Amino acid sequence: MLPEVQVLLQRACSARLLLDGLLDALPPDYWTRVAAGSRWTVRDQLAHVTSADDLLVDLLLRVLDGEQVAWVASTQDPTELLVQREAPVSRMAAIALKELRDAAAESRDAVEATCVRLDATTLEAGVFVAGAVDRWGAPVRWGLREYLASWAAHDSAHEFDIRAAIATPPDLSTVALTQRRRN
């Protein structure tokens, strides 16, 4: 494995260990909490982290197959990208918490297994995110190595949101809705 990819994976692994440790300590009723200004529960945050790893694997496989210009989720449409980011979060809402945690671990293992195959040439591929434009309206291009660096920090951003959610008292309407969903 390329040393720079190994460093990025180690950063991502450290962030995931911190996130997992936090999640291990959460009481069951905290999984439905939402931080102020966020729309995702703690559980949704984990589902999103899992689906982001899945999207990364898809992107890496396309680059490894020779794509020199790769769009995240294979779309240039910002609305379609949002749908592809949100759909797994909705799908994962129905699975048991242990299954969700297992899926997160499996997704991360798949990222690591795919990253092993990267070489210096693949790291030069261009990555685009639908809707990300510069001040002139042109799509912003990231090199794959830059994109991987931002991905490595992704879990930390969600850990921050989860910490904010567990420090926020539950909203009574959220409690009522959660009880209705459980019944």
N, C-alpha and C. Protein backbone atom coordinates (compact mmCIF):
# COMPACT_ATOMS: atom_id res chain seq x y z
N MET A 1 0.85 -1.17 0.00
CA MET A 1 0.00 0.00 0.00
C MET A 1 0.90 1.24 0.00
N LEU A 2 0.45 2.24 -0.76
CA LEU A 2 1.21 3.49 -0.80
C LEU A 2 1.27 4.11 0.59
N PRO A 3 2.44 4.63 0.99
CA PRO A 3 2.55 5.22 2.32
C PRO A 3 1.54 6.34 2.58
N GLU A 4 1.29 7.22 1.59
CA GLU A 4 0.35 8.31 1.84
C GLU A 4 -1.07 7.79 2.02
N VAL A 5 -1.43 6.72 1.32
CA VAL A 5 -2.76 6.11 1.50
C VAL A 5 -2.82 5.46 2.88
N GLN A 6 -1.73 4.83 3.27
CA GLN A 6 -1.69 4.20 4.59
C GLN A 6 -1.89 5.24 5.70
N VAL A 7 -1.26 6.39 5.57
CA VAL A 7 -1.43 7.46 6.56
C VAL A 7 -2.88 7.91 6.61
N LEU A 8 -3.50 8.10 5.44
CA LEU A 8 -4.90 8.53 5.41
C LEU A 8 -5.81 7.48 6.04
N LEU A 9 -5.53 6.21 5.76
CA LEU A 9 -6.33 5.14 6.37
C LEU A 9 -6.14 5.11 7.88
N GLN A 10 -4.91 5.36 8.34
CA GLN A 10 -4.67 5.39 9.78
C GLN A 10 -5.43 6.54 10.44
N ARG A 11 -5.47 7.70 9.77
CA ARG A 11 -6.25 8.83 10.29
C ARG A 11 -7.73 8.46 10.37
N ALA A 12 -8.24 7.86 9.30
CA ALA A 12 -9.64 7.46 9.27
C ALA A 12 -9.93 6.40 10.34
N CYS A 13 -8.99 5.48 10.52
CA CYS A 13 -9.14 4.43 11.54
C CYS A 13 -9.18 5.04 12.93
N SER A 14 -8.32 6.01 13.19
CA SER A 14 -8.32 6.68 14.50
C SER A 14 -9.64 7.39 14.74
N ALA A 15 -10.13 8.09 13.73
CA ALA A 15 -11.41 8.78 13.87
C ALA A 15 -12.54 7.78 14.11
N ARG A 16 -12.50 6.65 13.41
CA ARG A 16 -13.55 5.64 13.59
C ARG A 16 -13.47 5.01 14.98
N LEU A 17 -12.27 4.80 15.48
CA LEU A 17 -12.14 4.25 16.85
C LEU A 17 -12.74 5.20 17.88
N LEU A 18 -12.50 6.49 17.71
CA LEU A 18 -13.09 7.47 18.62
C LEU A 18 -14.62 7.46 18.51
N LEU A 19 -15.11 7.41 17.28
CA LEU A 19 -16.56 7.36 17.07
C LEU A 19 -17.15 6.10 17.68
N ASP A 20 -16.51 4.95 17.42
CA ASP A 20 -17.01 3.68 17.98
C ASP A 20 -17.01 3.70 19.50
N GLY A 21 -15.96 4.26 20.09
CA GLY A 21 -15.90 4.33 21.55
C GLY A 21 -17.04 5.17 22.11
N LEU A 22 -17.33 6.27 21.45
CA LEU A 22 -18.44 7.12 21.86
C LEU A 22 -19.75 6.35 21.74
N LEU A 23 -19.94 5.67 20.62
CA LEU A 23 -21.18 4.93 20.40
C LEU A 23 -21.33 3.78 21.38
N ASP A 24 -20.21 3.15 21.75
CA ASP A 24 -20.25 2.05 22.73
C ASP A 24 -20.80 2.52 24.08
N ALA A 25 -20.54 3.78 24.41
CA ALA A 25 -20.94 4.31 25.72
C ALA A 25 -22.35 4.89 25.74
N LEU A 26 -23.00 4.96 24.59
CA LEU A 26 -24.33 5.59 24.53
C LEU A 26 -25.42 4.70 25.11
N PRO A 27 -26.23 5.25 25.99
CA PRO A 27 -27.41 4.51 26.42
C PRO A 27 -28.40 4.41 25.25
N PRO A 28 -29.22 3.39 25.23
CA PRO A 28 -30.14 3.19 24.10
C PRO A 28 -31.03 4.39 23.76
N ASP A 29 -31.48 5.13 24.75
CA ASP A 29 -32.39 6.24 24.46
C ASP A 29 -31.68 7.45 23.87
N TYR A 30 -30.37 7.45 23.82
CA TYR A 30 -29.63 8.56 23.23
C TYR A 30 -29.51 8.44 21.71
N TRP A 31 -29.77 7.29 21.16
CA TRP A 31 -29.61 7.06 19.72
C TRP A 31 -30.61 7.87 18.89
N THR A 32 -31.65 8.35 19.53
CA THR A 32 -32.67 9.13 18.81
C THR A 32 -32.50 10.63 19.01
N ARG A 33 -31.47 11.03 19.71
CA ARG A 33 -31.26 12.46 19.96
C ARG A 33 -30.71 13.15 18.72
N VAL A 34 -31.03 14.44 18.62
CA VAL A 34 -30.61 15.26 17.48
C VAL A 34 -29.96 16.53 18.03
N ALA A 35 -28.83 16.89 17.48
CA ALA A 35 -28.16 18.14 17.88
C ALA A 35 -28.94 19.33 17.33
N ALA A 36 -28.87 20.43 18.04
CA ALA A 36 -29.50 21.65 17.56
C ALA A 36 -28.91 22.02 16.20
N GLY A 37 -29.78 22.31 15.24
CA GLY A 37 -29.32 22.68 13.91
C GLY A 37 -29.09 21.49 12.98
N SER A 38 -29.19 20.30 13.50
CA SER A 38 -29.02 19.10 12.68
C SER A 38 -30.38 18.50 12.42
N ARG A 39 -30.47 17.67 11.40
CA ARG A 39 -31.74 16.99 11.15
C ARG A 39 -31.61 15.48 11.34
N TRP A 40 -30.38 15.05 11.66
CA TRP A 40 -30.13 13.62 11.82
C TRP A 40 -29.99 13.24 13.28
N THR A 41 -30.58 12.09 13.62
CA THR A 41 -30.38 11.52 14.94
C THR A 41 -28.98 10.93 15.00
N VAL A 42 -28.58 10.50 16.19
CA VAL A 42 -27.28 9.83 16.35
C VAL A 42 -27.24 8.61 15.43
N ARG A 43 -28.31 7.86 15.41
CA ARG A 43 -28.39 6.67 14.56
C ARG A 43 -28.24 7.04 13.08
N ASP A 44 -28.91 8.12 12.66
CA ASP A 44 -28.79 8.57 11.27
C ASP A 44 -27.36 8.98 10.93
N GLN A 45 -26.68 9.58 11.90
CA GLN A 45 -25.28 9.97 11.68
C GLN A 45 -24.44 8.74 11.35
N LEU A 46 -24.64 7.66 12.12
CA LEU A 46 -23.88 6.43 11.86
C LEU A 46 -24.27 5.83 10.51
N ALA A 47 -25.54 5.86 10.18
CA ALA A 47 -25.98 5.34 8.87
C ALA A 47 -25.34 6.14 7.74
N HIS A 48 -25.25 7.45 7.91
CA HIS A 48 -24.62 8.28 6.88
C HIS A 48 -23.13 7.97 6.75
N VAL A 49 -22.44 7.82 7.86
CA VAL A 49 -21.01 7.48 7.83
C VAL A 49 -20.82 6.16 7.08
N THR A 50 -21.69 5.22 7.33
CA THR A 50 -21.62 3.92 6.66
C THR A 50 -21.85 4.07 5.16
N SER A 51 -22.86 4.83 4.78
CA SER A 51 -23.16 4.99 3.36
C SER A 51 -22.08 5.81 2.65
N ALA A 52 -21.43 6.73 3.37
CA ALA A 52 -20.33 7.49 2.77
C ALA A 52 -19.16 6.56 2.43
N ASP A 53 -18.91 5.59 3.28
CA ASP A 53 -17.87 4.61 2.98
C ASP A 53 -18.25 3.80 1.74
N ASP A 54 -19.53 3.44 1.63
CA ASP A 54 -19.98 2.69 0.46
C ASP A 54 -19.81 3.50 -0.83
N LEU A 55 -20.15 4.80 -0.76
CA LEU A 55 -19.97 5.67 -1.93
C LEU A 55 -18.49 5.79 -2.29
N LEU A 56 -17.63 5.83 -1.29
CA LEU A 56 -16.19 5.93 -1.55
C LEU A 56 -15.69 4.67 -2.24
N VAL A 57 -16.13 3.51 -1.79
CA VAL A 57 -15.71 2.26 -2.43
C VAL A 57 -16.12 2.27 -3.90
N ASP A 58 -17.35 2.68 -4.17
CA ASP A 58 -17.82 2.77 -5.56
C ASP A 58 -16.93 3.70 -6.38
N LEU A 59 -16.61 4.86 -5.83
CA LEU A 59 -15.75 5.82 -6.52
C LEU A 59 -14.36 5.23 -6.77
N LEU A 60 -13.79 4.61 -5.75
CA LEU A 60 -12.45 4.03 -5.90
C LEU A 60 -12.42 2.92 -6.94
N LEU A 61 -13.45 2.10 -6.96
CA LEU A 61 -13.50 1.01 -7.95
C LEU A 61 -13.57 1.56 -9.37
N ARG A 62 -14.33 2.64 -9.55
CA ARG A 62 -14.41 3.23 -10.89
C ARG A 62 -13.07 3.84 -11.30
N VAL A 63 -12.39 4.46 -10.35
CA VAL A 63 -11.06 5.01 -10.65
C VAL A 63 -10.09 3.87 -10.96
N LEU A 64 -10.15 2.81 -10.19
CA LEU A 64 -9.28 1.66 -10.44
C LEU A 64 -9.58 1.00 -11.79
N ASP A 65 -10.82 1.14 -12.26
CA ASP A 65 -11.20 0.61 -13.59
C ASP A 65 -10.80 1.55 -14.71
N GLY A 66 -10.17 2.69 -14.37
CA GLY A 66 -9.63 3.56 -15.41
C GLY A 66 -10.28 4.92 -15.56
N GLU A 67 -11.33 5.22 -14.78
CA GLU A 67 -11.94 6.55 -14.87
C GLU A 67 -10.94 7.57 -14.36
N GLN A 68 -10.63 8.55 -15.18
CA GLN A 68 -9.73 9.62 -14.75
C GLN A 68 -10.50 10.82 -14.21
N VAL A 69 -11.78 10.87 -14.53
CA VAL A 69 -12.68 11.90 -14.01
C VAL A 69 -13.87 11.16 -13.42
N ALA A 70 -13.99 11.21 -12.09
CA ALA A 70 -15.04 10.45 -11.42
C ALA A 70 -15.92 11.38 -10.60
N TRP A 71 -17.22 11.24 -10.77
CA TRP A 71 -18.19 11.99 -9.99
C TRP A 71 -18.65 11.12 -8.82
N VAL A 72 -18.72 11.71 -7.64
CA VAL A 72 -19.21 10.97 -6.48
C VAL A 72 -20.63 10.51 -6.78
N ALA A 73 -20.89 9.24 -6.50
CA ALA A 73 -22.19 8.61 -6.74
C ALA A 73 -22.55 8.57 -8.22
N SER A 74 -21.57 8.75 -9.10
CA SER A 74 -21.76 8.68 -10.55
C SER A 74 -22.80 9.66 -11.07
N THR A 75 -22.92 10.80 -10.43
CA THR A 75 -23.92 11.77 -10.89
C THR A 75 -23.37 13.19 -10.87
N GLN A 76 -23.82 13.97 -11.86
CA GLN A 76 -23.50 15.38 -11.91
C GLN A 76 -24.68 16.23 -11.42
N ASP A 77 -25.75 15.57 -11.06
CA ASP A 77 -26.98 16.23 -10.62
C ASP A 77 -26.99 16.32 -9.09
N PRO A 78 -26.97 17.54 -8.53
CA PRO A 78 -26.96 17.69 -7.08
C PRO A 78 -28.16 17.04 -6.38
N THR A 79 -29.32 17.09 -7.02
CA THR A 79 -30.51 16.47 -6.43
C THR A 79 -30.35 14.96 -6.36
N GLU A 80 -29.84 14.37 -7.42
CA GLU A 80 -29.62 12.92 -7.45
C GLU A 80 -28.57 12.52 -6.40
N LEU A 81 -27.53 13.34 -6.26
CA LEU A 81 -26.52 13.05 -5.23
C LEU A 81 -27.16 13.05 -3.85
N LEU A 82 -28.00 14.03 -3.58
CA LEU A 82 -28.68 14.09 -2.29
C LEU A 82 -29.54 12.85 -2.07
N VAL A 83 -30.25 12.42 -3.10
CA VAL A 83 -31.08 11.22 -3.00
C VAL A 83 -30.19 10.01 -2.68
N GLN A 84 -29.07 9.90 -3.37
CA GLN A 84 -28.18 8.76 -3.15
C GLN A 84 -27.51 8.80 -1.78
N ARG A 85 -27.36 9.99 -1.21
CA ARG A 85 -26.80 10.10 0.13
C ARG A 85 -27.85 9.83 1.20
N GLU A 86 -29.10 10.21 0.92
CA GLU A 86 -30.18 10.09 1.91
C GLU A 86 -30.83 8.71 1.92
N ALA A 87 -30.93 8.07 0.76
CA ALA A 87 -31.64 6.79 0.67
C ALA A 87 -31.08 5.73 1.63
N PRO A 88 -29.76 5.55 1.70
CA PRO A 88 -29.26 4.54 2.64
C PRO A 88 -29.58 4.87 4.10
N VAL A 89 -29.61 6.15 4.45
CA VAL A 89 -29.95 6.53 5.81
C VAL A 89 -31.37 6.09 6.12
N SER A 90 -32.27 6.29 5.18
CA SER A 90 -33.66 5.85 5.36
C SER A 90 -33.77 4.33 5.42
N ARG A 91 -33.05 3.65 4.53
CA ARG A 91 -33.08 2.18 4.52
C ARG A 91 -32.54 1.60 5.82
N MET A 92 -31.49 2.20 6.34
CA MET A 92 -30.86 1.67 7.54
C MET A 92 -31.65 1.96 8.80
N ALA A 93 -32.65 2.82 8.72
CA ALA A 93 -33.48 3.14 9.88
C ALA A 93 -34.25 1.91 10.35
N ALA A 94 -34.49 0.97 9.45
CA ALA A 94 -35.30 -0.20 9.78
C ALA A 94 -34.49 -1.37 10.34
N ILE A 95 -33.17 -1.29 10.30
CA ILE A 95 -32.38 -2.44 10.77
C ILE A 95 -32.00 -2.27 12.24
N ALA A 96 -31.73 -3.39 12.87
CA ALA A 96 -31.34 -3.37 14.28
C ALA A 96 -30.01 -2.64 14.45
N LEU A 97 -29.83 -2.08 15.63
CA LEU A 97 -28.64 -1.29 15.90
C LEU A 97 -27.36 -2.11 15.73
N LYS A 98 -27.37 -3.35 16.16
CA LYS A 98 -26.18 -4.21 16.00
C LYS A 98 -25.88 -4.42 14.52
N GLU A 99 -26.92 -4.61 13.72
CA GLU A 99 -26.71 -4.76 12.27
C GLU A 99 -26.13 -3.49 11.66
N LEU A 100 -26.59 -2.34 12.13
CA LEU A 100 -26.06 -1.07 11.64
C LEU A 100 -24.59 -0.93 12.00
N ARG A 101 -24.24 -1.28 13.22
CA ARG A 101 -22.84 -1.20 13.65
C ARG A 101 -21.99 -2.17 12.84
N ASP A 102 -22.53 -3.38 12.59
CA ASP A 102 -21.81 -4.36 11.77
C ASP A 102 -21.63 -3.85 10.33
N ALA A 103 -22.68 -3.24 9.79
CA ALA A 103 -22.60 -2.68 8.43
C ALA A 103 -21.54 -1.59 8.36
N ALA A 104 -21.44 -0.77 9.40
CA ALA A 104 -20.42 0.29 9.43
C ALA A 104 -19.02 -0.32 9.40
N ALA A 105 -18.83 -1.37 10.18
CA ALA A 105 -17.51 -2.04 10.20
C ALA A 105 -17.20 -2.69 8.86
N GLU A 106 -18.20 -3.32 8.25
CA GLU A 106 -17.99 -3.96 6.95
C GLU A 106 -17.68 -2.94 5.86
N SER A 107 -18.37 -1.80 5.90
CA SER A 107 -18.11 -0.75 4.91
C SER A 107 -16.69 -0.22 5.04
N ARG A 108 -16.25 -0.02 6.27
CA ARG A 108 -14.88 0.47 6.47
C ARG A 108 -13.86 -0.58 6.02
N ASP A 109 -14.13 -1.86 6.27
CA ASP A 109 -13.24 -2.92 5.80
C ASP A 109 -13.15 -2.91 4.27
N ALA A 110 -14.28 -2.66 3.61
CA ALA A 110 -14.29 -2.61 2.14
C ALA A 110 -13.47 -1.43 1.63
N VAL A 111 -13.53 -0.29 2.32
CA VAL A 111 -12.70 0.86 1.93
C VAL A 111 -11.24 0.47 2.02
N GLU A 112 -10.85 -0.11 3.14
CA GLU A 112 -9.45 -0.49 3.34
C GLU A 112 -8.99 -1.48 2.29
N ALA A 113 -9.82 -2.47 2.00
CA ALA A 113 -9.46 -3.49 1.00
C ALA A 113 -9.30 -2.87 -0.39
N THR A 114 -10.09 -1.86 -0.69
CA THR A 114 -10.01 -1.20 -1.99
C THR A 114 -8.81 -0.26 -2.05
N CYS A 115 -8.53 0.43 -0.96
CA CYS A 115 -7.39 1.36 -0.93
C CYS A 115 -6.05 0.67 -1.14
N VAL A 116 -5.97 -0.58 -0.77
CA VAL A 116 -4.74 -1.34 -0.96
C VAL A 116 -4.34 -1.38 -2.44
N ARG A 117 -5.33 -1.31 -3.31
CA ARG A 117 -5.08 -1.42 -4.75
C ARG A 117 -4.68 -0.10 -5.40
N LEU A 118 -4.78 1.01 -4.69
CA LEU A 118 -4.46 2.32 -5.27
C LEU A 118 -2.96 2.45 -5.55
N ASP A 119 -2.64 3.13 -6.63
CA ASP A 119 -1.24 3.43 -6.93
C ASP A 119 -1.11 4.92 -7.21
N ALA A 120 0.10 5.37 -7.48
CA ALA A 120 0.35 6.80 -7.68
C ALA A 120 -0.48 7.37 -8.83
N THR A 121 -0.70 6.60 -9.87
CA THR A 121 -1.47 7.07 -11.02
C THR A 121 -2.94 7.28 -10.65
N THR A 122 -3.52 6.34 -9.91
CA THR A 122 -4.93 6.48 -9.55
C THR A 122 -5.16 7.67 -8.63
N LEU A 123 -4.17 8.02 -7.84
CA LEU A 123 -4.32 9.17 -6.94
C LEU A 123 -4.38 10.50 -7.68
N GLU A 124 -4.04 10.48 -8.97
CA GLU A 124 -4.10 11.69 -9.79
C GLU A 124 -5.47 11.89 -10.43
N ALA A 125 -6.35 10.91 -10.30
CA ALA A 125 -7.69 11.03 -10.90
C ALA A 125 -8.42 12.24 -10.33
N GLY A 126 -9.28 12.81 -11.14
CA GLY A 126 -10.08 13.95 -10.70
C GLY A 126 -11.39 13.49 -10.10
N VAL A 127 -11.75 14.08 -8.98
CA VAL A 127 -13.00 13.75 -8.31
C VAL A 127 -13.86 15.02 -8.29
N PHE A 128 -15.11 14.86 -8.65
CA PHE A 128 -16.07 15.96 -8.66
C PHE A 128 -17.28 15.59 -7.80
N VAL A 129 -17.84 16.58 -7.15
CA VAL A 129 -19.04 16.39 -6.33
C VAL A 129 -20.12 17.28 -6.94
N ALA A 130 -21.23 16.67 -7.30
CA ALA A 130 -22.33 17.43 -7.91
C ALA A 130 -22.73 18.59 -7.01
N GLY A 131 -22.81 19.76 -7.61
CA GLY A 131 -23.21 20.95 -6.87
C GLY A 131 -22.05 21.76 -6.31
N ALA A 132 -20.87 21.17 -6.24
CA ALA A 132 -19.70 21.91 -5.74
C ALA A 132 -19.10 22.68 -6.92
N VAL A 133 -19.23 24.01 -6.85
CA VAL A 133 -18.76 24.86 -7.94
C VAL A 133 -17.87 25.97 -7.38
N ASP A 134 -17.00 26.48 -8.24
CA ASP A 134 -16.16 27.61 -7.83
C ASP A 134 -16.94 28.91 -8.01
N ARG A 135 -16.30 30.03 -7.78
CA ARG A 135 -17.01 31.31 -7.83
C ARG A 135 -17.49 31.68 -9.22
N TRP A 136 -17.01 31.00 -10.24
CA TRP A 136 -17.45 31.25 -11.61
C TRP A 136 -18.50 30.23 -12.07
N GLY A 137 -18.85 29.31 -11.17
CA GLY A 137 -19.87 28.33 -11.50
C GLY A 137 -19.35 27.05 -12.14
N ALA A 138 -18.04 26.92 -12.23
CA ALA A 138 -17.46 25.71 -12.81
C ALA A 138 -17.33 24.63 -11.72
N PRO A 139 -17.51 23.36 -12.09
CA PRO A 139 -17.36 22.29 -11.10
C PRO A 139 -15.95 22.31 -10.50
N VAL A 140 -15.89 22.07 -9.20
CA VAL A 140 -14.62 22.03 -8.49
C VAL A 140 -14.02 20.64 -8.63
N ARG A 141 -12.75 20.59 -9.00
CA ARG A 141 -12.04 19.31 -9.14
C ARG A 141 -11.12 19.11 -7.94
N TRP A 142 -11.25 17.93 -7.33
CA TRP A 142 -10.30 17.52 -6.30
C TRP A 142 -9.49 16.37 -6.87
N GLY A 143 -8.24 16.30 -6.53
CA GLY A 143 -7.48 15.10 -6.82
C GLY A 143 -7.95 14.01 -5.87
N LEU A 144 -7.83 12.77 -6.27
CA LEU A 144 -8.29 11.68 -5.41
C LEU A 144 -7.59 11.72 -4.06
N ARG A 145 -6.31 12.07 -4.04
CA ARG A 145 -5.61 12.11 -2.75
C ARG A 145 -6.22 13.19 -1.83
N GLU A 146 -6.63 14.33 -2.39
CA GLU A 146 -7.30 15.37 -1.59
C GLU A 146 -8.65 14.88 -1.09
N TYR A 147 -9.37 14.20 -1.97
CA TYR A 147 -10.69 13.69 -1.60
C TYR A 147 -10.55 12.67 -0.47
N LEU A 148 -9.55 11.81 -0.56
CA LEU A 148 -9.32 10.82 0.49
C LEU A 148 -8.97 11.50 1.82
N ALA A 149 -8.22 12.60 1.75
CA ALA A 149 -7.87 13.32 2.98
C ALA A 149 -9.12 13.90 3.64
N SER A 150 -10.04 14.42 2.84
CA SER A 150 -11.28 14.95 3.44
C SER A 150 -12.15 13.80 3.96
N TRP A 151 -12.15 12.67 3.27
CA TRP A 151 -12.90 11.51 3.74
C TRP A 151 -12.35 11.03 5.09
N ALA A 152 -11.03 11.06 5.25
CA ALA A 152 -10.41 10.59 6.49
C ALA A 152 -10.87 11.40 7.70
N ALA A 153 -11.27 12.64 7.47
CA ALA A 153 -11.74 13.50 8.56
C ALA A 153 -13.27 13.47 8.71
N HIS A 154 -13.94 12.75 7.84
CA HIS A 154 -15.41 12.73 7.79
C HIS A 154 -16.03 12.24 9.10
N ASP A 155 -15.52 11.14 9.65
CA ASP A 155 -16.09 10.59 10.89
C ASP A 155 -16.00 11.60 12.03
N SER A 156 -14.91 12.37 12.05
CA SER A 156 -14.73 13.34 13.14
C SER A 156 -15.84 14.39 13.13
N ALA A 157 -16.25 14.82 11.96
CA ALA A 157 -17.34 15.80 11.87
C ALA A 157 -18.63 15.21 12.44
N HIS A 158 -18.88 13.95 12.15
CA HIS A 158 -20.10 13.32 12.66
C HIS A 158 -19.98 13.00 14.14
N GLU A 159 -18.78 12.70 14.60
CA GLU A 159 -18.57 12.52 16.04
C GLU A 159 -18.92 13.81 16.77
N PHE A 160 -18.51 14.94 16.21
CA PHE A 160 -18.83 16.24 16.80
C PHE A 160 -20.34 16.42 16.89
N ASP A 161 -21.05 16.11 15.82
CA ASP A 161 -22.52 16.23 15.82
C ASP A 161 -23.16 15.30 16.85
N ILE A 162 -22.60 14.10 16.98
CA ILE A 162 -23.14 13.14 17.95
C ILE A 162 -22.90 13.65 19.36
N ARG A 163 -21.72 14.20 19.61
CA ARG A 163 -21.45 14.76 20.95
C ARG A 163 -22.41 15.90 21.25
N ALA A 164 -22.69 16.72 20.27
CA ALA A 164 -23.65 17.81 20.46
C ALA A 164 -25.05 17.24 20.72
N ALA A 165 -25.40 16.17 20.04
CA ALA A 165 -26.73 15.57 20.22
C ALA A 165 -26.89 14.99 21.62
N ILE A 166 -25.86 14.35 22.13
CA ILE A 166 -26.01 13.73 23.45
C ILE A 166 -25.98 14.78 24.56
N ALA A 167 -25.46 15.96 24.25
CA ALA A 167 -25.46 17.04 25.23
C ALA A 167 -26.75 17.86 25.17
N THR A 168 -27.58 17.59 24.16
CA THR A 168 -28.83 18.31 23.96
C THR A 168 -29.97 17.50 24.57
N PRO A 169 -30.75 18.10 25.46
CA PRO A 169 -31.89 17.36 26.00
C PRO A 169 -32.86 17.01 24.87
N PRO A 170 -33.51 15.88 24.97
CA PRO A 170 -34.43 15.50 23.89
C PRO A 170 -35.62 16.44 23.80
N ASP A 171 -36.02 16.71 22.58
CA ASP A 171 -37.20 17.51 22.31
C ASP A 171 -38.43 16.63 22.56
N LEU A 172 -39.41 17.15 23.26
CA LEU A 172 -40.58 16.34 23.61
C LEU A 172 -41.33 15.83 22.40
N SER A 173 -41.37 16.61 21.31
CA SER A 173 -42.04 16.12 20.11
C SER A 173 -41.26 14.96 19.50
N THR A 174 -39.94 14.98 19.60
CA THR A 174 -39.12 13.88 19.11
C THR A 174 -39.37 12.63 19.94
N VAL A 175 -39.48 12.79 21.25
CA VAL A 175 -39.77 11.66 22.13
C VAL A 175 -41.11 11.03 21.76
N ALA A 176 -42.12 11.88 21.56
CA ALA A 176 -43.44 11.38 21.20
C ALA A 176 -43.42 10.65 19.86
N LEU A 177 -42.72 11.25 18.89
CA LEU A 177 -42.63 10.61 17.57
C LEU A 177 -41.91 9.28 17.67
N THR A 178 -40.85 9.22 18.43
CA THR A 178 -40.09 7.98 18.59
C THR A 178 -40.96 6.91 19.23
N GLN A 179 -41.72 7.28 20.24
CA GLN A 179 -42.61 6.31 20.87
C GLN A 179 -43.66 5.80 19.90
N ARG A 180 -44.20 6.68 19.06
CA ARG A 180 -45.18 6.27 18.05
C ARG A 180 -44.56 5.30 17.06
N ARG A 181 -43.31 5.58 16.64
CA ARG A 181 -42.64 4.72 15.67
C ARG A 181 -42.37 3.34 16.25
N ARG A 182 -42.11 3.28 17.55
CA ARG A 182 -41.81 2.00 18.20
C ARG A 182 -43.06 1.17 18.41
N ASN A 183 -44.20 1.82 18.56
CA ASN A 183 -45.46 1.08 18.82
C ASN A 183 -46.10 0.59 17.57
